[in-house]
Amino acid sequence: MAMRKRTKRPSRRHGSELGPNYSRYQEVIRVNLPLSATDLCFKGQPAYRGVLEHVKQSVGREYLDLIKHEFTALYEEHQEYIKAVCYENDRYGKPIVCAFGPCFVCSPSDLRYVFHSLLILNYMKLSGLNDVHVIEIGGGYGGLSFFLHRLARLCDIRIETYTGFDLPEACLLQEKYLKLLDIPAQTAQLGSIMPWPELSPASFVISNYGLSEFAKAIRDEYIESVLNPFVTHGFMVWNTAYYEFMDRELTTEKERPLTSPQNQFVYISPR
């Protein structure tokens, strides 16, 4: 992995003061929350796909090629299991699926989740982390949590706890969705009057296309309230102008595949 170390100090000028508008995304979630498991349809809704589940088939093929190239031995040994995990994720939410071979049909977003999960699990392993407490910022419906839990055993990683931070509606959907798939996870919200779950002071943080696009005030609150006190290691995909954002060692490389010119993978480790 050819990564470069960033040494400049934080700049606080990047990002919109308001952040993106999630109102239509939230409305789709609210409509889906009372539905039965078989009636869930959020993954195929245009307003939801504006935020998640929008990977194109051509980009899905790039993710699959990267999985085969960067994790060759693992994929060759476990490809049927990986396909089965994709099929399991596609059981709920009515995603738009595409063919990636004569016997492999899935949502292209599944392949992004697989690739990111393997990058994360590989980084955990390289960091000597085998029993891991995970915090995800912007957990969506729980897709990354699902894939990480299912693929962790392939890398001899044990996920001790998993806490997803998100908007109230997204937290409720995540709880509903992960319960359907028997994934042990908990949710939390910034500014909630409910008590937070117990967070480990040596957690691994993940935020893929989330923290970087939040409004500056919300991003700063996450850094102050979650990242700095509870995080030692982590992996993020940063999709706005990059800057040093916490008191840890931050190492970056270009996103693979590069879906936007400024996107970066960010690896977090102790100083």
C-alpha atoms as a PDB file:
ATOM      1  CA  MET A   1       0.000   0.000   0.000  1.00  0.00           C
ATOM      2  CA  ALA A   2       1.641   3.252  -1.098  1.00  0.00           C
ATOM      3  CA  MET A   3       0.469   5.750   1.488  1.00  0.00           C
ATOM      4  CA  ARG A   4       1.698   9.213   2.307  1.00  0.00           C
ATOM      5  CA  LYS A   5       1.876  10.825   5.717  1.00  0.00           C
ATOM      6  CA  ARG A   6       0.168  14.173   6.204  1.00  0.00           C
ATOM      7  CA  THR A   7       1.919  16.532   8.582  1.00  0.00           C
ATOM      8  CA  LYS A   8       0.177  19.884   8.278  1.00  0.00           C
ATOM      9  CA  ARG A   9      -1.967  21.093  11.159  1.00  0.00           C
ATOM     10  CA  PRO A  10      -5.771  21.196  11.044  1.00  0.00           C
ATOM     11  CA  SER A  11      -7.590  23.755   8.964  1.00  0.00           C
ATOM     12  CA  ARG A  12     -11.147  24.561  10.036  1.00  0.00           C
ATOM     13  CA  ARG A  13     -12.288  26.216   6.803  1.00  0.00           C
ATOM     14  CA  HIS A  14     -13.465  23.246   4.761  1.00  0.00           C
ATOM     15  CA  GLY A  15     -17.046  22.100   4.352  1.00  0.00           C
ATOM     16  CA  SER A  16     -20.462  23.727   4.150  1.00  0.00           C
ATOM     17  CA  GLU A  17     -21.938  25.312   7.247  1.00  0.00           C
ATOM     18  CA  LEU A  18     -25.241  23.588   6.533  1.00  0.00           C
ATOM     19  CA  GLY A  19     -24.112  20.238   5.145  1.00  0.00           C
ATOM     20  CA  PRO A  20     -26.183  18.124   2.752  1.00  0.00           C
ATOM     21  CA  ASN A  21     -29.970  18.039   2.854  1.00  0.00           C
ATOM     22  CA  TYR A  22     -31.109  14.563   3.974  1.00  0.00           C
ATOM     23  CA  SER A  23     -34.845  15.355   4.245  1.00  0.00           C
ATOM     24  CA  ARG A  24     -36.031  13.195   1.304  1.00  0.00           C
ATOM     25  CA  TYR A  25     -33.712  10.374   2.424  1.00  0.00           C
ATOM     26  CA  GLN A  26     -35.183  10.590   5.934  1.00  0.00           C
ATOM     27  CA  GLU A  27     -38.727  10.515   4.572  1.00  0.00           C
ATOM     28  CA  VAL A  28     -38.059   7.267   2.665  1.00  0.00           C
ATOM     29  CA  ILE A  29     -36.773   5.745   5.891  1.00  0.00           C
ATOM     30  CA  ARG A  30     -39.836   6.890   7.860  1.00  0.00           C
ATOM     31  CA  VAL A  31     -42.113   5.249   5.272  1.00  0.00           C
ATOM     32  CA  ASN A  32     -40.150   1.991   5.516  1.00  0.00           C
ATOM     33  CA  LEU A  33     -39.850   1.748   9.295  1.00  0.00           C
ATOM     34  CA  PRO A  34     -43.338   0.243   9.929  1.00  0.00           C
ATOM     35  CA  LEU A  35     -43.122  -2.179   6.983  1.00  0.00           C
ATOM     36  CA  SER A  36     -42.630  -5.921   7.337  1.00  0.00           C
ATOM     37  CA  ALA A  37     -39.277  -7.443   6.406  1.00  0.00           C
ATOM     38  CA  THR A  38     -40.552  -8.629   3.033  1.00  0.00           C
ATOM     39  CA  ASP A  39     -42.098  -5.235   2.196  1.00  0.00           C
ATOM     40  CA  LEU A  40     -39.015  -3.128   2.905  1.00  0.00           C
ATOM     41  CA  CYS A  41     -38.156  -1.258  -0.311  1.00  0.00           C
ATOM     42  CA  PHE A  42     -35.862   1.604   0.659  1.00  0.00           C
ATOM     43  CA  LYS A  43     -32.828   0.393  -1.320  1.00  0.00           C
ATOM     44  CA  GLY A  44     -34.584   0.905  -4.641  1.00  0.00           C
ATOM     45  CA  GLN A  45     -36.090   4.327  -3.902  1.00  0.00           C
ATOM     46  CA  PRO A  46     -34.512   7.242  -5.849  1.00  0.00           C
ATOM     47  CA  ALA A  47     -34.437   9.549  -2.826  1.00  0.00           C
ATOM     48  CA  TYR A  48     -32.619   6.899  -0.803  1.00  0.00           C
ATOM     49  CA  ARG A  49     -30.253   6.063  -3.654  1.00  0.00           C
ATOM     50  CA  GLY A  50     -29.191   9.697  -3.720  1.00  0.00           C
ATOM     51  CA  VAL A  51     -27.344   8.950  -0.468  1.00  0.00           C
ATOM     52  CA  LEU A  52     -26.723   5.186  -0.471  1.00  0.00           C
ATOM     53  CA  GLU A  53     -27.108   2.184  -2.829  1.00  0.00           C
ATOM     54  CA  HIS A  54     -26.110   4.188  -5.904  1.00  0.00           C
ATOM     55  CA  VAL A  55     -22.995   2.304  -7.081  1.00  0.00           C
ATOM     56  CA  LYS A  56     -23.233   1.722 -10.847  1.00  0.00           C
ATOM     57  CA  GLN A  57     -22.709  -1.705 -12.406  1.00  0.00           C
ATOM     58  CA  SER A  58     -19.488  -0.567 -14.128  1.00  0.00           C
ATOM     59  CA  VAL A  59     -18.059   0.628 -10.805  1.00  0.00           C
ATOM     60  CA  GLY A  60     -19.249  -2.584  -9.151  1.00  0.00           C
ATOM     61  CA  ARG A  61     -17.097  -4.479 -11.659  1.00  0.00           C
ATOM     62  CA  GLU A  62     -14.120  -2.332 -10.645  1.00  0.00           C
ATOM     63  CA  TYR A  63     -14.706  -3.228  -6.999  1.00  0.00           C
ATOM     64  CA  LEU A  64     -14.895  -6.917  -7.878  1.00  0.00           C
ATOM     65  CA  ASP A  65     -11.652  -6.674  -9.865  1.00  0.00           C
ATOM     66  CA  LEU A  66      -9.950  -4.992  -6.897  1.00  0.00           C
ATOM     67  CA  ILE A  67     -11.183  -7.722  -4.531  1.00  0.00           C
ATOM     68  CA  LYS A  68      -9.780 -10.393  -6.839  1.00  0.00           C
ATOM     69  CA  HIS A  69      -6.475  -8.538  -7.295  1.00  0.00           C
ATOM     70  CA  GLU A  70      -5.774  -7.279  -3.756  1.00  0.00           C
ATOM     71  CA  PHE A  71      -7.228 -10.224  -1.820  1.00  0.00           C
ATOM     72  CA  THR A  72      -6.578 -12.976  -4.331  1.00  0.00           C
ATOM     73  CA  ALA A  73      -6.022 -15.937  -2.000  1.00  0.00           C
ATOM     74  CA  LEU A  74      -8.907 -15.008   0.279  1.00  0.00           C
ATOM     75  CA  TYR A  75     -11.308 -14.523  -2.635  1.00  0.00           C
ATOM     76  CA  GLU A  76     -10.327 -17.741  -4.387  1.00  0.00           C
ATOM     77  CA  GLU A  77     -10.819 -19.734  -1.192  1.00  0.00           C
ATOM     78  CA  HIS A  78     -14.020 -18.040  -0.042  1.00  0.00           C
ATOM     79  CA  GLN A  79     -15.703 -16.677  -3.169  1.00  0.00           C
ATOM     80  CA  GLU A  80     -18.850 -18.781  -2.745  1.00  0.00           C
ATOM     81  CA  TYR A  81     -19.185 -17.596   0.845  1.00  0.00           C
ATOM     82  CA  ILE A  82     -18.688 -13.948  -0.214  1.00  0.00           C
ATOM     83  CA  LYS A  83     -21.374 -14.357  -2.894  1.00  0.00           C
ATOM     84  CA  ALA A  84     -23.709 -15.892  -0.300  1.00  0.00           C
ATOM     85  CA  VAL A  85     -23.165 -12.896   1.995  1.00  0.00           C
ATOM     86  CA  CYS A  86     -24.085 -10.550  -0.873  1.00  0.00           C
ATOM     87  CA  TYR A  87     -27.238 -12.581  -1.561  1.00  0.00           C
ATOM     88  CA  GLU A  88     -28.125 -12.441   2.139  1.00  0.00           C
ATOM     89  CA  ASN A  89     -27.829  -8.651   2.179  1.00  0.00           C
ATOM     90  CA  ASP A  90     -30.018  -8.385  -0.921  1.00  0.00           C
ATOM     91  CA  ARG A  91     -32.874 -10.315   0.699  1.00  0.00           C
ATOM     92  CA  TYR A  92     -34.257  -7.152   2.283  1.00  0.00           C
ATOM     93  CA  GLY A  93     -34.904  -3.644   0.974  1.00  0.00           C
ATOM     94  CA  LYS A  94     -35.479  -4.558  -2.717  1.00  0.00           C
ATOM     95  CA  PRO A  95     -32.136  -3.366  -4.101  1.00  0.00           C
ATOM     96  CA  ILE A  96     -31.433  -2.930  -7.805  1.00  0.00           C
ATOM     97  CA  VAL A  97     -29.218  -5.882  -8.739  1.00  0.00           C
ATOM     98  CA  CYS A  98     -26.877  -6.542 -11.675  1.00  0.00           C
ATOM     99  CA  ALA A  99     -25.042  -9.542 -13.120  1.00  0.00           C
ATOM    100  CA  PHE A 100     -21.316  -9.904 -12.403  1.00  0.00           C
ATOM    101  CA  GLY A 101     -20.900 -13.238 -14.107  1.00  0.00           C
ATOM    102  CA  PRO A 102     -23.117 -16.175 -15.107  1.00  0.00           C
ATOM    103  CA  CYS A 103     -23.765 -17.193 -11.498  1.00  0.00           C
ATOM    104  CA  PHE A 104     -23.379 -13.952  -9.562  1.00  0.00           C
ATOM    105  CA  VAL A 105     -26.148 -11.346  -9.366  1.00  0.00           C
ATOM    106  CA  CYS A 106     -26.117  -8.726  -6.618  1.00  0.00           C
ATOM    107  CA  SER A 107     -26.371  -5.037  -5.823  1.00  0.00           C
ATOM    108  CA  PRO A 108     -23.207  -3.241  -7.022  1.00  0.00           C
ATOM    109  CA  SER A 109     -23.117  -1.554  -3.612  1.00  0.00           C
ATOM    110  CA  ASP A 110     -22.523  -4.986  -2.033  1.00  0.00           C
ATOM    111  CA  LEU A 111     -19.170  -5.169  -3.824  1.00  0.00           C
ATOM    112  CA  ARG A 112     -18.141  -1.801  -2.427  1.00  0.00           C
ATOM    113  CA  TYR A 113     -19.063  -3.043   1.048  1.00  0.00           C
ATOM    114  CA  VAL A 114     -17.002  -6.206   0.489  1.00  0.00           C
ATOM    115  CA  PHE A 115     -13.933  -4.307  -0.719  1.00  0.00           C
ATOM    116  CA  HIS A 116     -14.094  -1.727   2.060  1.00  0.00           C
ATOM    117  CA  SER A 117     -14.680  -4.457   4.652  1.00  0.00           C
ATOM    118  CA  LEU A 118     -11.594  -6.353   3.490  1.00  0.00           C
ATOM    119  CA  LEU A 119      -9.498  -3.162   3.543  1.00  0.00           C
ATOM    120  CA  ILE A 120     -10.694  -2.460   7.086  1.00  0.00           C
ATOM    121  CA  LEU A 121     -10.183  -6.010   8.347  1.00  0.00           C
ATOM    122  CA  ASN A 122      -6.738  -6.182   6.746  1.00  0.00           C
ATOM    123  CA  TYR A 123      -5.769  -2.901   8.427  1.00  0.00           C
ATOM    124  CA  MET A 124      -7.014  -4.194  11.774  1.00  0.00           C
ATOM    125  CA  LYS A 125      -4.864  -7.287  11.330  1.00  0.00           C
ATOM    126  CA  LEU A 126      -1.784  -5.260  10.331  1.00  0.00           C
ATOM    127  CA  SER A 127      -2.339  -3.107  13.431  1.00  0.00           C
ATOM    128  CA  GLY A 128      -2.388  -6.163  15.695  1.00  0.00           C
ATOM    129  CA  LEU A 129      -6.084  -5.773  16.507  1.00  0.00           C
ATOM    130  CA  ASN A 130      -7.931  -9.065  16.881  1.00  0.00           C
ATOM    131  CA  ASP A 131     -10.725  -8.224  19.349  1.00  0.00           C
ATOM    132  CA  VAL A 132     -12.132  -4.928  18.175  1.00  0.00           C
ATOM    133  CA  HIS A 133     -14.659  -2.370  19.386  1.00  0.00           C
ATOM    134  CA  VAL A 134     -16.006  -0.532  16.334  1.00  0.00           C
ATOM    135  CA  ILE A 135     -17.642   2.889  16.060  1.00  0.00           C
ATOM    136  CA  GLU A 136     -19.200   3.799  12.708  1.00  0.00           C
ATOM    137  CA  ILE A 137     -20.191   7.394  11.968  1.00  0.00           C
ATOM    138  CA  GLY A 138     -22.919   7.523   9.337  1.00  0.00           C
ATOM    139  CA  GLY A 139     -23.912   3.871   9.517  1.00  0.00           C
ATOM    140  CA  GLY A 140     -26.890   4.114   7.147  1.00  0.00           C
ATOM    141  CA  TYR A 141     -29.063   0.989   7.165  1.00  0.00           C
ATOM    142  CA  GLY A 142     -26.214  -1.098   8.576  1.00  0.00           C
ATOM    143  CA  GLY A 143     -24.747  -2.454   5.347  1.00  0.00           C
ATOM    144  CA  LEU A 144     -21.082  -2.050   6.284  1.00  0.00           C
ATOM    145  CA  SER A 145     -21.762  -3.394   9.759  1.00  0.00           C
ATOM    146  CA  PHE A 146     -23.385  -6.469   8.223  1.00  0.00           C
ATOM    147  CA  PHE A 147     -20.512  -7.193   5.841  1.00  0.00           C
ATOM    148  CA  LEU A 148     -17.839  -6.587   8.473  1.00  0.00           C
ATOM    149  CA  HIS A 149     -19.521  -8.987  10.877  1.00  0.00           C
ATOM    150  CA  ARG A 150     -19.925 -11.676   8.207  1.00  0.00           C
ATOM    151  CA  LEU A 151     -16.387 -11.337   6.783  1.00  0.00           C
ATOM    152  CA  ALA A 152     -14.464 -10.815  10.036  1.00  0.00           C
ATOM    153  CA  ARG A 153     -13.979 -14.536  10.605  1.00  0.00           C
ATOM    154  CA  LEU A 154     -12.139 -14.817   7.270  1.00  0.00           C
ATOM    155  CA  CYS A 155      -9.442 -12.560   8.753  1.00  0.00           C
ATOM    156  CA  ASP A 156      -9.442 -13.993  12.300  1.00  0.00           C
ATOM    157  CA  ILE A 157     -10.977 -10.779  13.665  1.00  0.00           C
ATOM    158  CA  ARG A 158     -13.549 -10.722  16.452  1.00  0.00           C
ATOM    159  CA  ILE A 159     -15.877  -7.712  16.620  1.00  0.00           C
ATOM    160  CA  GLU A 160     -16.576  -7.250  20.323  1.00  0.00           C
ATOM    161  CA  THR A 161     -19.007  -4.330  20.013  1.00  0.00           C
ATOM    162  CA  TYR A 162     -20.328  -2.242  17.131  1.00  0.00           C
ATOM    163  CA  THR A 163     -21.920   1.184  17.622  1.00  0.00           C
ATOM    164  CA  GLY A 164     -23.409   3.083  14.688  1.00  0.00           C
ATOM    165  CA  PHE A 165     -23.941   6.853  14.968  1.00  0.00           C
ATOM    166  CA  ASP A 166     -26.436   8.458  12.594  1.00  0.00           C
ATOM    167  CA  LEU A 167     -29.627  10.469  12.210  1.00  0.00           C
ATOM    168  CA  PRO A 168     -32.552   9.283  14.393  1.00  0.00           C
ATOM    169  CA  GLU A 169     -34.461   7.682  11.489  1.00  0.00           C
ATOM    170  CA  ALA A 170     -31.341   5.965  10.160  1.00  0.00           C
ATOM    171  CA  CYS A 171     -30.576   4.559  13.623  1.00  0.00           C
ATOM    172  CA  LEU A 172     -34.062   3.056  13.828  1.00  0.00           C
ATOM    173  CA  LEU A 173     -33.721   1.504  10.365  1.00  0.00           C
ATOM    174  CA  GLN A 174     -30.265   0.174  11.219  1.00  0.00           C
ATOM    175  CA  GLU A 175     -31.592  -1.476  14.378  1.00  0.00           C
ATOM    176  CA  LYS A 176     -34.495  -3.026  12.449  1.00  0.00           C
ATOM    177  CA  TYR A 177     -32.329  -4.212   9.551  1.00  0.00           C
ATOM    178  CA  LEU A 178     -29.487  -5.698  11.581  1.00  0.00           C
ATOM    179  CA  LYS A 179     -31.952  -7.480  13.856  1.00  0.00           C
ATOM    180  CA  LEU A 180     -33.395  -9.215  10.764  1.00  0.00           C
ATOM    181  CA  LEU A 181     -29.903 -10.493   9.956  1.00  0.00           C
ATOM    182  CA  ASP A 182     -29.017 -11.373  13.543  1.00  0.00           C
ATOM    183  CA  ILE A 183     -26.148  -8.870  13.731  1.00  0.00           C
ATOM    184  CA  PRO A 184     -25.298  -7.656  17.257  1.00  0.00           C
ATOM    185  CA  ALA A 185     -25.002  -3.881  17.013  1.00  0.00           C
ATOM    186  CA  GLN A 186     -26.158  -0.782  18.835  1.00  0.00           C
ATOM    187  CA  THR A 187     -26.867   2.787  17.703  1.00  0.00           C
ATOM    188  CA  ALA A 188     -26.263   6.237  19.145  1.00  0.00           C
ATOM    189  CA  GLN A 189     -26.895   9.870  18.237  1.00  0.00           C
ATOM    190  CA  LEU A 190     -25.035  13.066  18.984  1.00  0.00           C
ATOM    191  CA  GLY A 191     -27.033  15.333  21.248  1.00  0.00           C
ATOM    192  CA  SER A 192     -29.449  12.573  22.249  1.00  0.00           C
ATOM    193  CA  ILE A 193     -31.110  12.807  25.638  1.00  0.00           C
ATOM    194  CA  MET A 194     -30.839   9.027  25.865  1.00  0.00           C
ATOM    195  CA  PRO A 195     -27.649   7.733  27.497  1.00  0.00           C
ATOM    196  CA  TRP A 196     -24.958   6.620  25.101  1.00  0.00           C
ATOM    197  CA  PRO A 197     -23.942   2.980  24.993  1.00  0.00           C
ATOM    198  CA  GLU A 198     -20.646   2.154  26.652  1.00  0.00           C
ATOM    199  CA  LEU A 199     -17.832   3.038  24.249  1.00  0.00           C
ATOM    200  CA  SER A 200     -14.367   1.568  24.543  1.00  0.00           C
ATOM    201  CA  PRO A 201     -11.528   4.105  24.957  1.00  0.00           C
ATOM    202  CA  ALA A 202      -9.596   2.041  22.370  1.00  0.00           C
ATOM    203  CA  SER A 203     -12.164   1.893  19.577  1.00  0.00           C
ATOM    204  CA  PHE A 204     -11.703   1.560  15.818  1.00  0.00           C
ATOM    205  CA  VAL A 205     -13.646   4.250  13.957  1.00  0.00           C
ATOM    206  CA  ILE A 206     -15.113   3.928  10.461  1.00  0.00           C
ATOM    207  CA  SER A 207     -16.811   6.640   8.423  1.00  0.00           C
ATOM    208  CA  ASN A 208     -17.064   6.012   4.701  1.00  0.00           C
ATOM    209  CA  TYR A 209     -18.391   9.032   2.811  1.00  0.00           C
ATOM    210  CA  GLY A 210     -19.972  10.278   6.048  1.00  0.00           C
ATOM    211  CA  LEU A 211     -18.001  12.464   8.438  1.00  0.00           C
ATOM    212  CA  SER A 212     -16.281  14.359   5.638  1.00  0.00           C
ATOM    213  CA  GLU A 213     -19.551  15.679   4.179  1.00  0.00           C
ATOM    214  CA  PHE A 214     -21.240  16.632   7.451  1.00  0.00           C
ATOM    215  CA  ALA A 215     -21.715  20.273   8.368  1.00  0.00           C
ATOM    216  CA  LYS A 216     -18.613  21.710  10.069  1.00  0.00           C
ATOM    217  CA  ALA A 217     -20.296  22.108  13.455  1.00  0.00           C
ATOM    218  CA  ILE A 218     -21.494  18.479  13.457  1.00  0.00           C
ATOM    219  CA  ARG A 219     -18.134  17.206  12.232  1.00  0.00           C
ATOM    220  CA  ASP A 220     -16.322  19.134  14.972  1.00  0.00           C
ATOM    221  CA  GLU A 221     -18.701  17.749  17.595  1.00  0.00           C
ATOM    222  CA  TYR A 222     -17.986  14.184  16.470  1.00  0.00           C
ATOM    223  CA  ILE A 223     -14.253  14.872  16.642  1.00  0.00           C
ATOM    224  CA  GLU A 224     -14.505  16.354  20.131  1.00  0.00           C
ATOM    225  CA  SER A 225     -17.121  13.981  21.604  1.00  0.00           C
ATOM    226  CA  VAL A 226     -16.372  10.659  19.895  1.00  0.00           C
ATOM    227  CA  LEU A 227     -13.112  10.485  17.960  1.00  0.00           C
ATOM    228  CA  ASN A 228     -10.606  12.137  20.283  1.00  0.00           C
ATOM    229  CA  PRO A 229     -11.787  10.470  23.544  1.00  0.00           C
ATOM    230  CA  PHE A 230     -12.632   6.991  22.230  1.00  0.00           C
ATOM    231  CA  VAL A 231     -10.629   6.227  19.082  1.00  0.00           C
ATOM    232  CA  THR A 232      -7.099   4.877  18.630  1.00  0.00           C
ATOM    233  CA  HIS A 233      -7.327   3.403  15.111  1.00  0.00           C
ATOM    234  CA  GLY A 234      -9.664   3.725  12.162  1.00  0.00           C
ATOM    235  CA  PHE A 235     -10.395   3.824   8.454  1.00  0.00           C
ATOM    236  CA  MET A 236     -12.402   6.442   6.565  1.00  0.00           C
ATOM    237  CA  VAL A 237     -13.226   7.353   3.007  1.00  0.00           C
ATOM    238  CA  TRP A 238     -12.949  11.140   2.842  1.00  0.00           C
ATOM    239  CA  ASN A 239     -14.913  12.734  -0.002  1.00  0.00           C
ATOM    240  CA  THR A 240     -14.468  16.479   0.442  1.00  0.00           C
ATOM    241  CA  ALA A 241     -11.356  18.672   0.694  1.00  0.00           C
ATOM    242  CA  TYR A 242      -9.102  16.738   3.065  1.00  0.00           C
ATOM    243  CA  TYR A 243      -7.547  18.203   6.229  1.00  0.00           C
ATOM    244  CA  GLU A 244      -6.046  16.898   9.465  1.00  0.00           C
ATOM    245  CA  PHE A 245      -9.032  16.384  11.753  1.00  0.00           C
ATOM    246  CA  MET A 246      -7.949  14.705  14.998  1.00  0.00           C
ATOM    247  CA  ASP A 247      -4.962  14.229  17.272  1.00  0.00           C
ATOM    248  CA  ARG A 248      -3.845  10.918  15.768  1.00  0.00           C
ATOM    249  CA  GLU A 249      -1.472   9.766  13.037  1.00  0.00           C
ATOM    250  CA  LEU A 250      -3.368  10.135   9.757  1.00  0.00           C
ATOM    251  CA  THR A 251      -2.083   8.490   6.586  1.00  0.00           C
ATOM    252  CA  THR A 252      -3.836   8.798   3.255  1.00  0.00           C
ATOM    253  CA  GLU A 253      -3.946   7.285  -0.213  1.00  0.00           C
ATOM    254  CA  LYS A 254      -6.151   7.823  -3.234  1.00  0.00           C
ATOM    255  CA  GLU A 255      -9.486   6.015  -3.155  1.00  0.00           C
ATOM    256  CA  ARG A 256      -9.660   2.811  -5.213  1.00  0.00           C
ATOM    257  CA  PRO A 257     -11.474   2.871  -7.577  1.00  0.00           C
ATOM    258  CA  LEU A 258     -11.344   6.669  -7.716  1.00  0.00           C
ATOM    259  CA  THR A 259     -15.010   7.678  -7.796  1.00  0.00           C
ATOM    260  CA  SER A 260     -14.306  11.410  -7.388  1.00  0.00           C
ATOM    261  CA  PRO A 261     -11.009  13.253  -7.967  1.00  0.00           C
ATOM    262  CA  GLN A 262     -10.482  14.343  -4.346  1.00  0.00           C
ATOM    263  CA  ASN A 263     -11.534  11.128  -2.572  1.00  0.00           C
ATOM    264  CA  GLN A 264      -9.039   9.682  -0.097  1.00  0.00           C
ATOM    265  CA  PHE A 265      -8.681   6.577   2.052  1.00  0.00           C
ATOM    266  CA  VAL A 266      -7.653   7.726   5.530  1.00  0.00           C
ATOM    267  CA  TYR A 267      -5.893   5.329   7.930  1.00  0.00           C
ATOM    268  CA  ILE A 268      -5.860   6.346  11.601  1.00  0.00           C
ATOM    269  CA  SER A 269      -3.308   5.112  14.138  1.00  0.00           C
ATOM    270  CA  PRO A 270      -1.874   6.326  17.478  1.00  0.00           C
ATOM    271  CA  ARG A 271       0.899   8.949  17.305  1.00  0.00           C
END
